[in-house]
Amino acid sequence: MELNPSQEKFLRDIADALELRDYTSEELHDEMYLILKEHGLKPQKAFQAIYRVIIGQKQGPRAASFLLSLDKDFLIKRLRQEE
């Protein structure tokens, strides 16, 4: 599954948000919904982008808790799709 430009920007914005501050699971969940709305993405497409770049699948565990369980530096690089 290729990501469209809106999905790529959504992921970069999540990475930027994670770099700026620490979130609880609930706060990150709310932040992700604000960001996806900014980009006109449906939740399904937004969360598919997250799972695609992190685990190579279309779906996965609850996104906010899952992302916060990962190493922050690793996560930010993956969301930005850096090598």
N, C-alpha and C. Protein backbone atom coordinates (compact mmCIF):
# COMPACT_ATOMS: atom_id res chain seq x y z
N MET A 1 0.83 -1.18 0.00
CA MET A 1 0.00 0.00 0.00
C MET A 1 0.88 1.25 0.00
N GLU A 2 0.73 2.03 -1.01
CA GLU A 2 1.45 3.29 -1.08
C GLU A 2 0.69 4.34 -0.28
N LEU A 3 1.42 5.23 0.35
CA LEU A 3 0.79 6.30 1.11
C LEU A 3 0.55 7.49 0.19
N ASN A 4 -0.58 8.16 0.38
CA ASN A 4 -0.83 9.37 -0.40
C ASN A 4 -0.20 10.56 0.34
N PRO A 5 -0.08 11.71 -0.32
CA PRO A 5 0.57 12.87 0.32
C PRO A 5 -0.08 13.28 1.64
N SER A 6 -1.40 13.17 1.75
CA SER A 6 -2.06 13.54 3.01
C SER A 6 -1.65 12.60 4.13
N GLN A 7 -1.54 11.31 3.82
CA GLN A 7 -1.12 10.34 4.84
C GLN A 7 0.33 10.61 5.26
N GLU A 8 1.19 10.93 4.30
CA GLU A 8 2.59 11.20 4.63
C GLU A 8 2.71 12.43 5.52
N LYS A 9 1.94 13.47 5.20
CA LYS A 9 1.97 14.69 6.02
C LYS A 9 1.41 14.41 7.41
N PHE A 10 0.35 13.62 7.49
CA PHE A 10 -0.23 13.21 8.77
C PHE A 10 0.83 12.54 9.65
N LEU A 11 1.59 11.61 9.07
CA LEU A 11 2.63 10.92 9.83
C LEU A 11 3.72 11.88 10.28
N ARG A 12 4.13 12.79 9.40
CA ARG A 12 5.16 13.76 9.78
C ARG A 12 4.67 14.66 10.91
N ASP A 13 3.41 15.05 10.85
CA ASP A 13 2.86 15.90 11.91
C ASP A 13 2.78 15.17 13.25
N ILE A 14 2.49 13.89 13.22
CA ILE A 14 2.51 13.11 14.46
C ILE A 14 3.94 13.06 15.00
N ALA A 15 4.90 12.82 14.12
CA ALA A 15 6.31 12.80 14.54
C ALA A 15 6.70 14.13 15.17
N ASP A 16 6.29 15.23 14.54
CA ASP A 16 6.59 16.56 15.09
C ASP A 16 5.98 16.73 16.47
N ALA A 17 4.73 16.31 16.62
CA ALA A 17 4.05 16.44 17.91
C ALA A 17 4.77 15.62 18.98
N LEU A 18 5.18 14.41 18.64
CA LEU A 18 5.87 13.54 19.59
C LEU A 18 7.22 14.11 19.99
N GLU A 19 7.83 14.84 19.08
CA GLU A 19 9.13 15.44 19.37
C GLU A 19 8.98 16.61 20.34
N LEU A 20 7.85 17.31 20.28
CA LEU A 20 7.65 18.50 21.09
C LEU A 20 7.33 18.22 22.55
N ARG A 21 6.60 17.12 22.80
CA ARG A 21 6.20 16.86 24.18
C ARG A 21 5.88 15.39 24.39
N ASP A 22 5.75 15.04 25.66
CA ASP A 22 5.34 13.69 26.03
C ASP A 22 3.82 13.67 26.17
N TYR A 23 3.22 12.59 25.73
CA TYR A 23 1.76 12.44 25.75
C TYR A 23 1.36 11.23 26.59
N THR A 24 0.17 11.31 27.16
CA THR A 24 -0.47 10.10 27.67
C THR A 24 -1.15 9.46 26.46
N SER A 25 -1.58 8.25 26.62
CA SER A 25 -2.27 7.56 25.53
C SER A 25 -3.51 8.35 25.07
N GLU A 26 -4.28 8.84 26.03
CA GLU A 26 -5.50 9.58 25.69
C GLU A 26 -5.17 10.88 24.97
N GLU A 27 -4.14 11.58 25.43
CA GLU A 27 -3.75 12.84 24.79
C GLU A 27 -3.28 12.61 23.36
N LEU A 28 -2.48 11.56 23.17
CA LEU A 28 -1.99 11.27 21.82
C LEU A 28 -3.15 10.88 20.91
N HIS A 29 -4.07 10.09 21.41
CA HIS A 29 -5.25 9.71 20.64
C HIS A 29 -5.99 10.97 20.16
N ASP A 30 -6.24 11.90 21.07
CA ASP A 30 -6.93 13.13 20.72
C ASP A 30 -6.13 13.95 19.71
N GLU A 31 -4.83 14.02 19.91
CA GLU A 31 -3.95 14.78 19.00
C GLU A 31 -3.98 14.17 17.60
N MET A 32 -3.95 12.85 17.51
CA MET A 32 -4.00 12.20 16.20
C MET A 32 -5.30 12.52 15.47
N TYR A 33 -6.41 12.56 16.20
CA TYR A 33 -7.68 12.90 15.56
C TYR A 33 -7.71 14.35 15.10
N LEU A 34 -7.11 15.26 15.87
CA LEU A 34 -7.03 16.66 15.42
C LEU A 34 -6.20 16.76 14.14
N ILE A 35 -5.08 16.06 14.11
CA ILE A 35 -4.20 16.10 12.94
C ILE A 35 -4.88 15.48 11.72
N LEU A 36 -5.53 14.35 11.88
CA LEU A 36 -6.15 13.71 10.71
C LEU A 36 -7.27 14.59 10.16
N LYS A 37 -7.99 15.29 11.03
CA LYS A 37 -9.03 16.20 10.56
C LYS A 37 -8.42 17.36 9.78
N GLU A 38 -7.26 17.87 10.24
CA GLU A 38 -6.57 18.95 9.54
C GLU A 38 -6.23 18.55 8.11
N HIS A 39 -5.94 17.29 7.90
CA HIS A 39 -5.54 16.81 6.58
C HIS A 39 -6.69 16.20 5.80
N GLY A 40 -7.89 16.28 6.34
CA GLY A 40 -9.06 15.76 5.64
C GLY A 40 -9.03 14.25 5.46
N LEU A 41 -8.39 13.57 6.38
CA LEU A 41 -8.29 12.11 6.30
C LEU A 41 -9.39 11.44 7.12
N LYS A 42 -9.88 10.34 6.61
CA LYS A 42 -10.77 9.50 7.40
C LYS A 42 -9.90 8.71 8.37
N PRO A 43 -10.43 8.45 9.58
CA PRO A 43 -9.61 7.72 10.56
C PRO A 43 -9.02 6.42 10.02
N GLN A 44 -9.79 5.67 9.25
CA GLN A 44 -9.28 4.39 8.74
C GLN A 44 -8.02 4.61 7.90
N LYS A 45 -8.04 5.59 7.01
CA LYS A 45 -6.87 5.85 6.15
C LYS A 45 -5.68 6.36 6.96
N ALA A 46 -5.96 7.18 7.96
CA ALA A 46 -4.88 7.71 8.79
C ALA A 46 -4.21 6.59 9.58
N PHE A 47 -5.02 5.76 10.22
CA PHE A 47 -4.44 4.70 11.05
C PHE A 47 -3.79 3.61 10.20
N GLN A 48 -4.31 3.36 9.01
CA GLN A 48 -3.64 2.42 8.10
C GLN A 48 -2.23 2.90 7.79
N ALA A 49 -2.06 4.20 7.62
CA ALA A 49 -0.73 4.75 7.33
C ALA A 49 0.22 4.48 8.50
N ILE A 50 -0.26 4.65 9.71
CA ILE A 50 0.57 4.38 10.89
C ILE A 50 1.02 2.93 10.90
N TYR A 51 0.06 2.01 10.77
CA TYR A 51 0.40 0.59 10.84
C TYR A 51 1.29 0.17 9.68
N ARG A 52 1.06 0.76 8.52
CA ARG A 52 1.86 0.42 7.33
C ARG A 52 3.34 0.72 7.56
N VAL A 53 3.64 1.92 8.08
CA VAL A 53 5.05 2.28 8.24
C VAL A 53 5.70 1.65 9.48
N ILE A 54 4.89 1.29 10.47
CA ILE A 54 5.47 0.72 11.69
C ILE A 54 5.58 -0.80 11.62
N ILE A 55 4.49 -1.48 11.22
CA ILE A 55 4.50 -2.95 11.24
C ILE A 55 4.21 -3.58 9.88
N GLY A 56 4.03 -2.76 8.84
CA GLY A 56 3.81 -3.32 7.51
C GLY A 56 2.46 -3.98 7.31
N GLN A 57 1.47 -3.60 8.12
CA GLN A 57 0.13 -4.18 8.03
C GLN A 57 -0.90 -3.07 7.89
N LYS A 58 -2.14 -3.45 7.56
CA LYS A 58 -3.21 -2.46 7.43
C LYS A 58 -3.85 -2.10 8.76
N GLN A 59 -3.71 -2.95 9.75
CA GLN A 59 -4.31 -2.67 11.05
C GLN A 59 -3.43 -3.23 12.14
N GLY A 60 -3.72 -2.80 13.36
CA GLY A 60 -2.92 -3.24 14.48
C GLY A 60 -3.60 -2.89 15.79
N PRO A 61 -2.81 -2.88 16.86
CA PRO A 61 -3.38 -2.57 18.18
C PRO A 61 -3.80 -1.10 18.28
N ARG A 62 -4.43 -0.74 19.37
CA ARG A 62 -4.84 0.66 19.57
C ARG A 62 -3.64 1.56 19.34
N ALA A 63 -3.79 2.47 18.41
CA ALA A 63 -2.65 3.23 17.88
C ALA A 63 -1.89 4.02 18.94
N ALA A 64 -2.58 4.82 19.72
CA ALA A 64 -1.87 5.69 20.67
C ALA A 64 -1.04 4.89 21.66
N SER A 65 -1.64 3.90 22.29
CA SER A 65 -0.91 3.06 23.26
C SER A 65 0.23 2.34 22.59
N PHE A 66 0.00 1.82 21.39
CA PHE A 66 1.03 1.11 20.64
C PHE A 66 2.21 2.02 20.35
N LEU A 67 1.93 3.22 19.83
CA LEU A 67 3.02 4.14 19.49
C LEU A 67 3.82 4.52 20.72
N LEU A 68 3.14 4.75 21.83
CA LEU A 68 3.85 5.14 23.05
C LEU A 68 4.66 4.00 23.65
N SER A 69 4.40 2.78 23.24
CA SER A 69 5.17 1.64 23.74
C SER A 69 6.50 1.48 23.00
N LEU A 70 6.66 2.19 21.89
CA LEU A 70 7.86 2.07 21.06
C LEU A 70 8.92 3.09 21.49
N ASP A 71 10.16 2.81 21.13
CA ASP A 71 11.24 3.75 21.36
C ASP A 71 10.94 5.04 20.59
N LYS A 72 11.02 6.17 21.28
CA LYS A 72 10.62 7.45 20.68
C LYS A 72 11.45 7.81 19.44
N ASP A 73 12.76 7.65 19.50
CA ASP A 73 13.60 7.99 18.35
C ASP A 73 13.28 7.09 17.15
N PHE A 74 13.13 5.80 17.40
CA PHE A 74 12.75 4.86 16.35
C PHE A 74 11.42 5.27 15.73
N LEU A 75 10.46 5.56 16.58
CA LEU A 75 9.12 5.91 16.13
C LEU A 75 9.13 7.16 15.25
N ILE A 76 9.81 8.20 15.68
CA ILE A 76 9.85 9.44 14.92
C ILE A 76 10.49 9.21 13.56
N LYS A 77 11.57 8.44 13.52
CA LYS A 77 12.22 8.15 12.22
C LYS A 77 11.29 7.36 11.30
N ARG A 78 10.57 6.39 11.86
CA ARG A 78 9.65 5.60 11.02
C ARG A 78 8.49 6.44 10.51
N LEU A 79 7.94 7.28 11.37
CA LEU A 79 6.83 8.12 10.94
C LEU A 79 7.25 9.09 9.84
N ARG A 80 8.50 9.53 9.92
CA ARG A 80 9.03 10.43 8.88
C ARG A 80 9.57 9.65 7.69
N GLN A 81 9.52 8.33 7.80
CA GLN A 81 9.99 7.42 6.77
C GLN A 81 11.44 7.67 6.39
N GLU A 82 12.24 7.89 7.45
CA GLU A 82 13.67 8.06 7.29
C GLU A 82 14.32 6.69 7.43
N GLU A 83 15.44 6.53 6.81
CA GLU A 83 16.17 5.25 6.91
C GLU A 83 16.95 5.16 8.19
